[in-house]
Amino acid sequence: TSLAIQPLVRGITGNNAAENNDCPLFFD
């Protein structure tokens, strides 16, 4: 799950902010 917390930030563009988008996998 995630918590319904949504920060307002300055200095990023669109949905390219998440580092996870650059990597095709994650570890559970």
mmCIF file of all heavy atoms, coordinates in Angstrom:
data_MODEL
# 
_entry.id   MODEL 
# 
loop_
_atom_site.group_PDB 
_atom_site.id 
_atom_site.type_symbol 
_atom_site.label_atom_id 
_atom_site.label_alt_id 
_atom_site.label_comp_id 
_atom_site.label_asym_id 
_atom_site.label_entity_id 
_atom_site.label_seq_id 
_atom_site.pdbx_PDB_ins_code 
_atom_site.Cartn_x 
_atom_site.Cartn_y 
_atom_site.Cartn_z 
_atom_site.occupancy 
_atom_site.B_iso_or_equiv 
_atom_site.pdbx_formal_charge 
_atom_site.auth_seq_id 
_atom_site.auth_comp_id 
_atom_site.auth_asym_id 
_atom_site.auth_atom_id 
_atom_site.pdbx_PDB_model_num 
ATOM 1   N N   . THR A 1 1  ? 0.829  -1.191 0.000   1.00 0.00 ? 1  THR A N   1 
ATOM 2   C CA  . THR A 1 1  ? 0.000  0.000  0.000   1.00 0.00 ? 1  THR A CA  1 
ATOM 3   C C   . THR A 1 1  ? 0.866  1.243  0.000   1.00 0.00 ? 1  THR A C   1 
ATOM 4   O O   . THR A 1 1  ? 2.086  1.182  0.102   1.00 0.00 ? 1  THR A O   1 
ATOM 5   C CB  . THR A 1 1  ? -0.940 0.002  1.228   1.00 0.00 ? 1  THR A CB  1 
ATOM 6   O OG1 . THR A 1 1  ? -1.865 1.074  1.113   1.00 0.00 ? 1  THR A OG1 1 
ATOM 7   C CG2 . THR A 1 1  ? -0.150 0.157  2.512   1.00 0.00 ? 1  THR A CG2 1 
ATOM 8   N N   . SER A 1 2  ? 0.220  2.374  -0.122  1.00 0.00 ? 2  SER A N   1 
ATOM 9   C CA  . SER A 1 2  ? 0.866  3.664  0.101   1.00 0.00 ? 2  SER A CA  1 
ATOM 10  C C   . SER A 1 2  ? -0.083 4.492  0.952   1.00 0.00 ? 2  SER A C   1 
ATOM 11  O O   . SER A 1 2  ? -1.272 4.180  1.065   1.00 0.00 ? 2  SER A O   1 
ATOM 12  C CB  . SER A 1 2  ? 1.167  4.375  -1.224  1.00 0.00 ? 2  SER A CB  1 
ATOM 13  O OG  . SER A 1 2  ? -0.023 4.860  -1.815  1.00 0.00 ? 2  SER A OG  1 
ATOM 14  N N   . LEU A 1 3  ? 0.433  5.536  1.557   1.00 0.00 ? 3  LEU A N   1 
ATOM 15  C CA  . LEU A 1 3  ? -0.394 6.447  2.328   1.00 0.00 ? 3  LEU A CA  1 
ATOM 16  C C   . LEU A 1 3  ? -0.769 7.628  1.442   1.00 0.00 ? 3  LEU A C   1 
ATOM 17  O O   . LEU A 1 3  ? 0.001  8.031  0.572   1.00 0.00 ? 3  LEU A O   1 
ATOM 18  C CB  . LEU A 1 3  ? 0.362  6.935  3.568   1.00 0.00 ? 3  LEU A CB  1 
ATOM 19  C CG  . LEU A 1 3  ? 0.864  5.849  4.519   1.00 0.00 ? 3  LEU A CG  1 
ATOM 20  C CD1 . LEU A 1 3  ? 1.589  6.482  5.704   1.00 0.00 ? 3  LEU A CD1 1 
ATOM 21  C CD2 . LEU A 1 3  ? -0.280 4.979  5.014   1.00 0.00 ? 3  LEU A CD2 1 
ATOM 22  N N   . ALA A 1 4  ? -1.946 8.191  1.665   1.00 0.00 ? 4  ALA A N   1 
ATOM 23  C CA  . ALA A 1 4  ? -2.444 9.277  0.823   1.00 0.00 ? 4  ALA A CA  1 
ATOM 24  C C   . ALA A 1 4  ? -1.778 10.592 1.214   1.00 0.00 ? 4  ALA A C   1 
ATOM 25  O O   . ALA A 1 4  ? -2.413 11.531 1.701   1.00 0.00 ? 4  ALA A O   1 
ATOM 26  C CB  . ALA A 1 4  ? -3.960 9.377  0.927   1.00 0.00 ? 4  ALA A CB  1 
ATOM 27  N N   . ILE A 1 5  ? -0.460 10.609 1.005   1.00 0.00 ? 5  ILE A N   1 
ATOM 28  C CA  . ILE A 1 5  ? 0.370  11.789 1.250   1.00 0.00 ? 5  ILE A CA  1 
ATOM 29  C C   . ILE A 1 5  ? 0.974  12.193 -0.087  1.00 0.00 ? 5  ILE A C   1 
ATOM 30  O O   . ILE A 1 5  ? 1.601  11.371 -0.757  1.00 0.00 ? 5  ILE A O   1 
ATOM 31  C CB  . ILE A 1 5  ? 1.480  11.482 2.272   1.00 0.00 ? 5  ILE A CB  1 
ATOM 32  C CG1 . ILE A 1 5  ? 0.861  11.134 3.634   1.00 0.00 ? 5  ILE A CG1 1 
ATOM 33  C CG2 . ILE A 1 5  ? 2.445  12.648 2.397   1.00 0.00 ? 5  ILE A CG2 1 
ATOM 34  C CD1 . ILE A 1 5  ? 1.880  10.693 4.679   1.00 0.00 ? 5  ILE A CD1 1 
ATOM 35  N N   . GLN A 1 6  ? 0.789  13.448 -0.497  1.00 0.00 ? 6  GLN A N   1 
ATOM 36  C CA  . GLN A 1 6  ? 1.209  13.890 -1.826  1.00 0.00 ? 6  GLN A CA  1 
ATOM 37  C C   . GLN A 1 6  ? 1.957  15.218 -1.717  1.00 0.00 ? 6  GLN A C   1 
ATOM 38  O O   . GLN A 1 6  ? 1.345  16.287 -1.663  1.00 0.00 ? 6  GLN A O   1 
ATOM 39  C CB  . GLN A 1 6  ? -0.014 14.014 -2.742  1.00 0.00 ? 6  GLN A CB  1 
ATOM 40  C CG  . GLN A 1 6  ? -0.785 12.706 -2.878  1.00 0.00 ? 6  GLN A CG  1 
ATOM 41  C CD  . GLN A 1 6  ? -2.067 12.848 -3.670  1.00 0.00 ? 6  GLN A CD  1 
ATOM 42  O OE1 . GLN A 1 6  ? -2.482 13.939 -4.036  1.00 0.00 ? 6  GLN A OE1 1 
ATOM 43  N NE2 . GLN A 1 6  ? -2.710 11.720 -3.947  1.00 0.00 ? 6  GLN A NE2 1 
ATOM 44  N N   . PRO A 1 7  ? 3.294  15.170 -1.654  1.00 0.00 ? 7  PRO A N   1 
ATOM 45  C CA  . PRO A 1 7  ? 4.073  16.405 -1.474  1.00 0.00 ? 7  PRO A CA  1 
ATOM 46  C C   . PRO A 1 7  ? 4.018  17.326 -2.683  1.00 0.00 ? 7  PRO A C   1 
ATOM 47  O O   . PRO A 1 7  ? 3.913  16.872 -3.825  1.00 0.00 ? 7  PRO A O   1 
ATOM 48  C CB  . PRO A 1 7  ? 5.496  15.884 -1.244  1.00 0.00 ? 7  PRO A CB  1 
ATOM 49  C CG  . PRO A 1 7  ? 5.517  14.528 -1.866  1.00 0.00 ? 7  PRO A CG  1 
ATOM 50  C CD  . PRO A 1 7  ? 4.135  13.971 -1.685  1.00 0.00 ? 7  PRO A CD  1 
ATOM 51  N N   . LEU A 1 8  ? 4.086  18.622 -2.414  1.00 0.00 ? 8  LEU A N   1 
ATOM 52  C CA  . LEU A 1 8  ? 4.167  19.635 -3.451  1.00 0.00 ? 8  LEU A CA  1 
ATOM 53  C C   . LEU A 1 8  ? 5.621  20.083 -3.538  1.00 0.00 ? 8  LEU A C   1 
ATOM 54  O O   . LEU A 1 8  ? 6.174  20.600 -2.554  1.00 0.00 ? 8  LEU A O   1 
ATOM 55  C CB  . LEU A 1 8  ? 3.263  20.817 -3.121  1.00 0.00 ? 8  LEU A CB  1 
ATOM 56  C CG  . LEU A 1 8  ? 3.163  21.910 -4.187  1.00 0.00 ? 8  LEU A CG  1 
ATOM 57  C CD1 . LEU A 1 8  ? 2.442  21.384 -5.415  1.00 0.00 ? 8  LEU A CD1 1 
ATOM 58  C CD2 . LEU A 1 8  ? 2.440  23.140 -3.636  1.00 0.00 ? 8  LEU A CD2 1 
ATOM 59  N N   . VAL A 1 9  ? 6.248  19.869 -4.693  1.00 0.00 ? 9  VAL A N   1 
ATOM 60  C CA  . VAL A 1 9  ? 7.675  20.133 -4.827  1.00 0.00 ? 9  VAL A CA  1 
ATOM 61  C C   . VAL A 1 9  ? 7.950  21.039 -6.016  1.00 0.00 ? 9  VAL A C   1 
ATOM 62  O O   . VAL A 1 9  ? 7.148  21.159 -6.931  1.00 0.00 ? 9  VAL A O   1 
ATOM 63  C CB  . VAL A 1 9  ? 8.487  18.820 -4.973  1.00 0.00 ? 9  VAL A CB  1 
ATOM 64  C CG1 . VAL A 1 9  ? 8.211  17.888 -3.808  1.00 0.00 ? 9  VAL A CG1 1 
ATOM 65  C CG2 . VAL A 1 9  ? 8.155  18.123 -6.289  1.00 0.00 ? 9  VAL A CG2 1 
ATOM 66  N N   . ARG A 1 10 ? 9.104  21.667 -5.999  1.00 0.00 ? 10 ARG A N   1 
ATOM 67  C CA  . ARG A 1 10 ? 9.566  22.505 -7.101  1.00 0.00 ? 10 ARG A CA  1 
ATOM 68  C C   . ARG A 1 10 ? 10.921 21.983 -7.566  1.00 0.00 ? 10 ARG A C   1 
ATOM 69  O O   . ARG A 1 10 ? 11.770 21.642 -6.758  1.00 0.00 ? 10 ARG A O   1 
ATOM 70  C CB  . ARG A 1 10 ? 9.698  23.955 -6.651  1.00 0.00 ? 10 ARG A CB  1 
ATOM 71  C CG  . ARG A 1 10 ? 10.300 24.885 -7.697  1.00 0.00 ? 10 ARG A CG  1 
ATOM 72  C CD  . ARG A 1 10 ? 10.452 26.284 -7.149  1.00 0.00 ? 10 ARG A CD  1 
ATOM 73  N NE  . ARG A 1 10 ? 9.174  26.970 -7.080  1.00 0.00 ? 10 ARG A NE  1 
ATOM 74  C CZ  . ARG A 1 10 ? 8.775  27.728 -6.061  1.00 0.00 ? 10 ARG A CZ  1 
ATOM 75  N NH1 . ARG A 1 10 ? 9.553  27.858 -5.007  1.00 0.00 ? 10 ARG A NH1 1 
ATOM 76  N NH2 . ARG A 1 10 ? 7.599  28.323 -6.087  1.00 0.00 ? 10 ARG A NH2 1 
ATOM 77  N N   . GLY A 1 11 ? 11.093 21.873 -8.895  1.00 0.00 ? 11 GLY A N   1 
ATOM 78  C CA  . GLY A 1 11 ? 12.396 21.477 -9.401  1.00 0.00 ? 11 GLY A CA  1 
ATOM 79  C C   . GLY A 1 11 ? 12.397 20.201 -10.199 1.00 0.00 ? 11 GLY A C   1 
ATOM 80  O O   . GLY A 1 11 ? 13.449 19.674 -10.540 1.00 0.00 ? 11 GLY A O   1 
ATOM 81  N N   . ILE A 1 12 ? 11.208 19.642 -10.498 1.00 0.00 ? 12 ILE A N   1 
ATOM 82  C CA  . ILE A 1 12 ? 11.123 18.446 -11.320 1.00 0.00 ? 12 ILE A CA  1 
ATOM 83  C C   . ILE A 1 12 ? 10.094 18.678 -12.407 1.00 0.00 ? 12 ILE A C   1 
ATOM 84  O O   . ILE A 1 12 ? 9.269  19.580 -12.312 1.00 0.00 ? 12 ILE A O   1 
ATOM 85  C CB  . ILE A 1 12 ? 10.754 17.189 -10.505 1.00 0.00 ? 12 ILE A CB  1 
ATOM 86  C CG1 . ILE A 1 12 ? 9.401  17.381 -9.807  1.00 0.00 ? 12 ILE A CG1 1 
ATOM 87  C CG2 . ILE A 1 12 ? 11.825 16.861 -9.500  1.00 0.00 ? 12 ILE A CG2 1 
ATOM 88  C CD1 . ILE A 1 12 ? 8.969  16.182 -9.036  1.00 0.00 ? 12 ILE A CD1 1 
ATOM 89  N N   . THR A 1 13 ? 10.147 17.871 -13.440 1.00 0.00 ? 13 THR A N   1 
ATOM 90  C CA  . THR A 1 13 ? 9.246  18.034 -14.578 1.00 0.00 ? 13 THR A CA  1 
ATOM 91  C C   . THR A 1 13 ? 8.452  16.769 -14.807 1.00 0.00 ? 13 THR A C   1 
ATOM 92  O O   . THR A 1 13 ? 9.034  15.694 -14.992 1.00 0.00 ? 13 THR A O   1 
ATOM 93  C CB  . THR A 1 13 ? 10.032 18.365 -15.853 1.00 0.00 ? 13 THR A CB  1 
ATOM 94  O OG1 . THR A 1 13 ? 10.807 19.543 -15.618 1.00 0.00 ? 13 THR A OG1 1 
ATOM 95  C CG2 . THR A 1 13 ? 9.085  18.633 -17.006 1.00 0.00 ? 13 THR A CG2 1 
ATOM 96  N N   . GLY A 1 14 ? 7.128  16.883 -14.816 1.00 0.00 ? 14 GLY A N   1 
ATOM 97  C CA  . GLY A 1 14 ? 6.259  15.760 -15.172 1.00 0.00 ? 14 GLY A CA  1 
ATOM 98  C C   . GLY A 1 14 ? 6.493  14.534 -14.321 1.00 0.00 ? 14 GLY A C   1 
ATOM 99  O O   . GLY A 1 14 ? 6.850  14.604 -13.151 1.00 0.00 ? 14 GLY A O   1 
ATOM 100 N N   . ASN A 1 15 ? 6.330  13.345 -14.941 1.00 0.00 ? 15 ASN A N   1 
ATOM 101 C CA  . ASN A 1 15 ? 6.443  12.083 -14.215 1.00 0.00 ? 15 ASN A CA  1 
ATOM 102 C C   . ASN A 1 15 ? 7.834  11.487 -14.291 1.00 0.00 ? 15 ASN A C   1 
ATOM 103 O O   . ASN A 1 15 ? 8.032  10.326 -13.960 1.00 0.00 ? 15 ASN A O   1 
ATOM 104 C CB  . ASN A 1 15 ? 5.430  11.077 -14.768 1.00 0.00 ? 15 ASN A CB  1 
ATOM 105 C CG  . ASN A 1 15 ? 4.007  11.489 -14.453 1.00 0.00 ? 15 ASN A CG  1 
ATOM 106 O OD1 . ASN A 1 15 ? 3.744  12.006 -13.376 1.00 0.00 ? 15 ASN A OD1 1 
ATOM 107 N ND2 . ASN A 1 15 ? 3.105  11.289 -15.386 1.00 0.00 ? 15 ASN A ND2 1 
ATOM 108 N N   . ASN A 1 16 ? 8.832  12.279 -14.721 1.00 0.00 ? 16 ASN A N   1 
ATOM 109 C CA  . ASN A 1 16 ? 10.191 11.763 -14.801 1.00 0.00 ? 16 ASN A CA  1 
ATOM 110 C C   . ASN A 1 16 ? 10.919 11.877 -13.477 1.00 0.00 ? 16 ASN A C   1 
ATOM 111 O O   . ASN A 1 16 ? 12.118 11.673 -13.402 1.00 0.00 ? 16 ASN A O   1 
ATOM 112 C CB  . ASN A 1 16 ? 10.983 12.525 -15.876 1.00 0.00 ? 16 ASN A CB  1 
ATOM 113 C CG  . ASN A 1 16 ? 10.413 12.288 -17.258 1.00 0.00 ? 16 ASN A CG  1 
ATOM 114 O OD1 . ASN A 1 16 ? 9.981  11.192 -17.562 1.00 0.00 ? 16 ASN A OD1 1 
ATOM 115 N ND2 . ASN A 1 16 ? 10.395 13.321 -18.086 1.00 0.00 ? 16 ASN A ND2 1 
ATOM 116 N N   . ALA A 1 17 ? 10.166 12.228 -12.406 1.00 0.00 ? 17 ALA A N   1 
ATOM 117 C CA  . ALA A 1 17 ? 10.824 12.479 -11.132 1.00 0.00 ? 17 ALA A CA  1 
ATOM 118 C C   . ALA A 1 17 ? 11.268 11.207 -10.436 1.00 0.00 ? 17 ALA A C   1 
ATOM 119 O O   . ALA A 1 17 ? 12.302 11.171 -9.792  1.00 0.00 ? 17 ALA A O   1 
ATOM 120 C CB  . ALA A 1 17 ? 9.873  13.239 -10.204 1.00 0.00 ? 17 ALA A CB  1 
ATOM 121 N N   . ALA A 1 18 ? 10.483 10.160 -10.519 1.00 0.00 ? 18 ALA A N   1 
ATOM 122 C CA  . ALA A 1 18 ? 10.760 8.966  -9.727  1.00 0.00 ? 18 ALA A CA  1 
ATOM 123 C C   . ALA A 1 18 ? 11.971 8.218  -10.254 1.00 0.00 ? 18 ALA A C   1 
ATOM 124 O O   . ALA A 1 18 ? 12.048 7.867  -11.411 1.00 0.00 ? 18 ALA A O   1 
ATOM 125 C CB  . ALA A 1 18 ? 9.543  8.039  -9.729  1.00 0.00 ? 18 ALA A CB  1 
ATOM 126 N N   . GLU A 1 19 ? 12.912 7.971  -9.364  1.00 0.00 ? 19 GLU A N   1 
ATOM 127 C CA  . GLU A 1 19 ? 14.099 7.232  -9.755  1.00 0.00 ? 19 GLU A CA  1 
ATOM 128 C C   . GLU A 1 19 ? 13.715 5.819  -10.173 1.00 0.00 ? 19 GLU A C   1 
ATOM 129 O O   . GLU A 1 19 ? 14.341 5.210  -11.032 1.00 0.00 ? 19 GLU A O   1 
ATOM 130 C CB  . GLU A 1 19 ? 15.083 7.197  -8.590  1.00 0.00 ? 19 GLU A CB  1 
ATOM 131 C CG  . GLU A 1 19 ? 16.421 6.580  -8.924  1.00 0.00 ? 19 GLU A CG  1 
ATOM 132 C CD  . GLU A 1 19 ? 17.376 6.647  -7.757  1.00 0.00 ? 19 GLU A CD  1 
ATOM 133 O OE1 . GLU A 1 19 ? 17.011 6.142  -6.689  1.00 0.00 ? 19 GLU A OE1 1 
ATOM 134 O OE2 . GLU A 1 19 ? 18.475 7.202  -7.912  1.00 0.00 ? 19 GLU A OE2 1 
ATOM 135 N N   . ASN A 1 20 ? 12.646 5.294  -9.560  1.00 0.00 ? 20 ASN A N   1 
ATOM 136 C CA  . ASN A 1 20 ? 12.220 3.933  -9.879  1.00 0.00 ? 20 ASN A CA  1 
ATOM 137 C C   . ASN A 1 20 ? 11.816 3.791  -11.340 1.00 0.00 ? 20 ASN A C   1 
ATOM 138 O O   . ASN A 1 20 ? 11.845 2.698  -11.892 1.00 0.00 ? 20 ASN A O   1 
ATOM 139 C CB  . ASN A 1 20 ? 11.032 3.534  -8.983  1.00 0.00 ? 20 ASN A CB  1 
ATOM 140 C CG  . ASN A 1 20 ? 11.463 3.413  -7.541  1.00 0.00 ? 20 ASN A CG  1 
ATOM 141 O OD1 . ASN A 1 20 ? 12.635 3.245  -7.252  1.00 0.00 ? 20 ASN A OD1 1 
ATOM 142 N ND2 . ASN A 1 20 ? 10.519 3.520  -6.633  1.00 0.00 ? 20 ASN A ND2 1 
ATOM 143 N N   . ASN A 1 21 ? 11.416 4.897  -12.002 1.00 0.00 ? 21 ASN A N   1 
ATOM 144 C CA  . ASN A 1 21 ? 11.020 4.806  -13.402 1.00 0.00 ? 21 ASN A CA  1 
ATOM 145 C C   . ASN A 1 21 ? 12.194 4.458  -14.309 1.00 0.00 ? 21 ASN A C   1 
ATOM 146 O O   . ASN A 1 21 ? 12.023 3.979  -15.413 1.00 0.00 ? 21 ASN A O   1 
ATOM 147 C CB  . ASN A 1 21 ? 10.410 6.141  -13.854 1.00 0.00 ? 21 ASN A CB  1 
ATOM 148 C CG  . ASN A 1 21 ? 9.053  6.370  -13.222 1.00 0.00 ? 21 ASN A CG  1 
ATOM 149 O OD1 . ASN A 1 21 ? 8.455  5.456  -12.688 1.00 0.00 ? 21 ASN A OD1 1 
ATOM 150 N ND2 . ASN A 1 21 ? 8.578  7.598  -13.287 1.00 0.00 ? 21 ASN A ND2 1 
ATOM 151 N N   . ASP A 1 22 ? 13.435 4.757  -13.855 1.00 0.00 ? 22 ASP A N   1 
ATOM 152 C CA  . ASP A 1 22 ? 14.617 4.489  -14.658 1.00 0.00 ? 22 ASP A CA  1 
ATOM 153 C C   . ASP A 1 22 ? 15.048 3.025  -14.545 1.00 0.00 ? 22 ASP A C   1 
ATOM 154 O O   . ASP A 1 22 ? 15.804 2.524  -15.364 1.00 0.00 ? 22 ASP A O   1 
ATOM 155 C CB  . ASP A 1 22 ? 15.780 5.375  -14.218 1.00 0.00 ? 22 ASP A CB  1 
ATOM 156 C CG  . ASP A 1 22 ? 15.500 6.844  -14.526 1.00 0.00 ? 22 ASP A CG  1 
ATOM 157 O OD1 . ASP A 1 22 ? 14.672 7.121  -15.405 1.00 0.00 ? 22 ASP A OD1 1 
ATOM 158 O OD2 . ASP A 1 22 ? 16.113 7.678  -13.862 1.00 0.00 ? 22 ASP A OD2 1 
ATOM 159 N N   . CYS A 1 23 ? 14.623 2.362  -13.501 1.00 0.00 ? 23 CYS A N   1 
ATOM 160 C CA  . CYS A 1 23 ? 15.030 0.980  -13.246 1.00 0.00 ? 23 CYS A CA  1 
ATOM 161 C C   . CYS A 1 23 ? 13.838 0.054  -13.492 1.00 0.00 ? 23 CYS A C   1 
ATOM 162 O O   . CYS A 1 23 ? 12.736 0.324  -13.038 1.00 0.00 ? 23 CYS A O   1 
ATOM 163 C CB  . CYS A 1 23 ? 15.534 0.840  -11.816 1.00 0.00 ? 23 CYS A CB  1 
ATOM 164 S SG  . CYS A 1 23 ? 16.257 -0.771 -11.453 1.00 0.00 ? 23 CYS A SG  1 
ATOM 165 N N   . PRO A 1 24 ? 14.041 -1.055 -14.218 1.00 0.00 ? 24 PRO A N   1 
ATOM 166 C CA  . PRO A 1 24 ? 12.906 -1.901 -14.600 1.00 0.00 ? 24 PRO A CA  1 
ATOM 167 C C   . PRO A 1 24 ? 12.499 -2.908 -13.537 1.00 0.00 ? 24 PRO A C   1 
ATOM 168 O O   . PRO A 1 24 ? 11.706 -3.797 -13.812 1.00 0.00 ? 24 PRO A O   1 
ATOM 169 C CB  . PRO A 1 24 ? 13.435 -2.614 -15.848 1.00 0.00 ? 24 PRO A CB  1 
ATOM 170 C CG  . PRO A 1 24 ? 14.899 -2.769 -15.577 1.00 0.00 ? 24 PRO A CG  1 
ATOM 171 C CD  . PRO A 1 24 ? 15.295 -1.518 -14.838 1.00 0.00 ? 24 PRO A CD  1 
ATOM 172 N N   . LEU A 1 25 ? 13.047 -2.837 -12.331 1.00 0.00 ? 25 LEU A N   1 
ATOM 173 C CA  . LEU A 1 25 ? 12.707 -3.836 -11.328 1.00 0.00 ? 25 LEU A CA  1 
ATOM 174 C C   . LEU A 1 25 ? 12.792 -3.249 -9.929  1.00 0.00 ? 25 LEU A C   1 
ATOM 175 O O   . LEU A 1 25 ? 13.385 -2.204 -9.712  1.00 0.00 ? 25 LEU A O   1 
ATOM 176 C CB  . LEU A 1 25 ? 13.648 -5.040 -11.433 1.00 0.00 ? 25 LEU A CB  1 
ATOM 177 C CG  . LEU A 1 25 ? 15.087 -4.884 -10.895 1.00 0.00 ? 25 LEU A CG  1 
ATOM 178 C CD1 . LEU A 1 25 ? 15.720 -6.239 -10.702 1.00 0.00 ? 25 LEU A CD1 1 
ATOM 179 C CD2 . LEU A 1 25 ? 15.943 -4.052 -11.829 1.00 0.00 ? 25 LEU A CD2 1 
ATOM 180 N N   . PHE A 1 26 ? 12.166 -3.952 -8.972  1.00 0.00 ? 26 PHE A N   1 
ATOM 181 C CA  . PHE A 1 26 ? 12.324 -3.611 -7.564  1.00 0.00 ? 26 PHE A CA  1 
ATOM 182 C C   . PHE A 1 26 ? 12.306 -4.893 -6.743  1.00 0.00 ? 26 PHE A C   1 
ATOM 183 O O   . PHE A 1 26 ? 11.918 -5.962 -7.226  1.00 0.00 ? 26 PHE A O   1 
ATOM 184 C CB  . PHE A 1 26 ? 11.237 -2.639 -7.084  1.00 0.00 ? 26 PHE A CB  1 
ATOM 185 C CG  . PHE A 1 26 ? 9.837  -3.186 -7.132  1.00 0.00 ? 26 PHE A CG  1 
ATOM 186 C CD1 . PHE A 1 26 ? 9.309  -3.907 -6.078  1.00 0.00 ? 26 PHE A CD1 1 
ATOM 187 C CD2 . PHE A 1 26 ? 9.026  -2.959 -8.242  1.00 0.00 ? 26 PHE A CD2 1 
ATOM 188 C CE1 . PHE A 1 26 ? 8.012  -4.402 -6.124  1.00 0.00 ? 26 PHE A CE1 1 
ATOM 189 C CE2 . PHE A 1 26 ? 7.731  -3.442 -8.295  1.00 0.00 ? 26 PHE A CE2 1 
ATOM 190 C CZ  . PHE A 1 26 ? 7.227  -4.165 -7.232  1.00 0.00 ? 26 PHE A CZ  1 
ATOM 191 N N   . PHE A 1 27 ? 12.734 -4.799 -5.492  1.00 0.00 ? 27 PHE A N   1 
ATOM 192 C CA  . PHE A 1 27 ? 12.854 -5.963 -4.623  1.00 0.00 ? 27 PHE A CA  1 
ATOM 193 C C   . PHE A 1 27 ? 11.859 -5.871 -3.490  1.00 0.00 ? 27 PHE A C   1 
ATOM 194 O O   . PHE A 1 27 ? 11.791 -4.864 -2.784  1.00 0.00 ? 27 PHE A O   1 
ATOM 195 C CB  . PHE A 1 27 ? 14.275 -6.055 -4.060  1.00 0.00 ? 27 PHE A CB  1 
ATOM 196 C CG  . PHE A 1 27 ? 14.500 -7.244 -3.156  1.00 0.00 ? 27 PHE A CG  1 
ATOM 197 C CD1 . PHE A 1 27 ? 14.406 -8.542 -3.656  1.00 0.00 ? 27 PHE A CD1 1 
ATOM 198 C CD2 . PHE A 1 27 ? 14.805 -7.075 -1.822  1.00 0.00 ? 27 PHE A CD2 1 
ATOM 199 C CE1 . PHE A 1 27 ? 14.621 -9.633 -2.836  1.00 0.00 ? 27 PHE A CE1 1 
ATOM 200 C CE2 . PHE A 1 27 ? 15.030 -8.166 -0.996  1.00 0.00 ? 27 PHE A CE2 1 
ATOM 201 C CZ  . PHE A 1 27 ? 14.933 -9.448 -1.504  1.00 0.00 ? 27 PHE A CZ  1 
ATOM 202 N N   . ASP A 1 28 ? 11.036 -6.911 -3.325  1.00 0.00 ? 28 ASP A N   1 
ATOM 203 C CA  . ASP A 1 28 ? 10.073 -7.002 -2.232  1.00 0.00 ? 28 ASP A CA  1 
ATOM 204 C C   . ASP A 1 28 ? 10.730 -7.799 -1.108  1.00 0.00 ? 28 ASP A C   1 
ATOM 205 O O   . ASP A 1 28 ? 10.832 -9.023 -1.169  1.00 0.00 ? 28 ASP A O   1 
ATOM 206 C CB  . ASP A 1 28 ? 8.801  -7.701 -2.717  1.00 0.00 ? 28 ASP A CB  1 
ATOM 207 C CG  . ASP A 1 28 ? 7.732  -7.768 -1.639  1.00 0.00 ? 28 ASP A CG  1 
ATOM 208 O OD1 . ASP A 1 28 ? 8.033  -7.431 -0.481  1.00 0.00 ? 28 ASP A OD1 1 
ATOM 209 O OD2 . ASP A 1 28 ? 6.603  -8.163 -1.947  1.00 0.00 ? 28 ASP A OD2 1 
# 
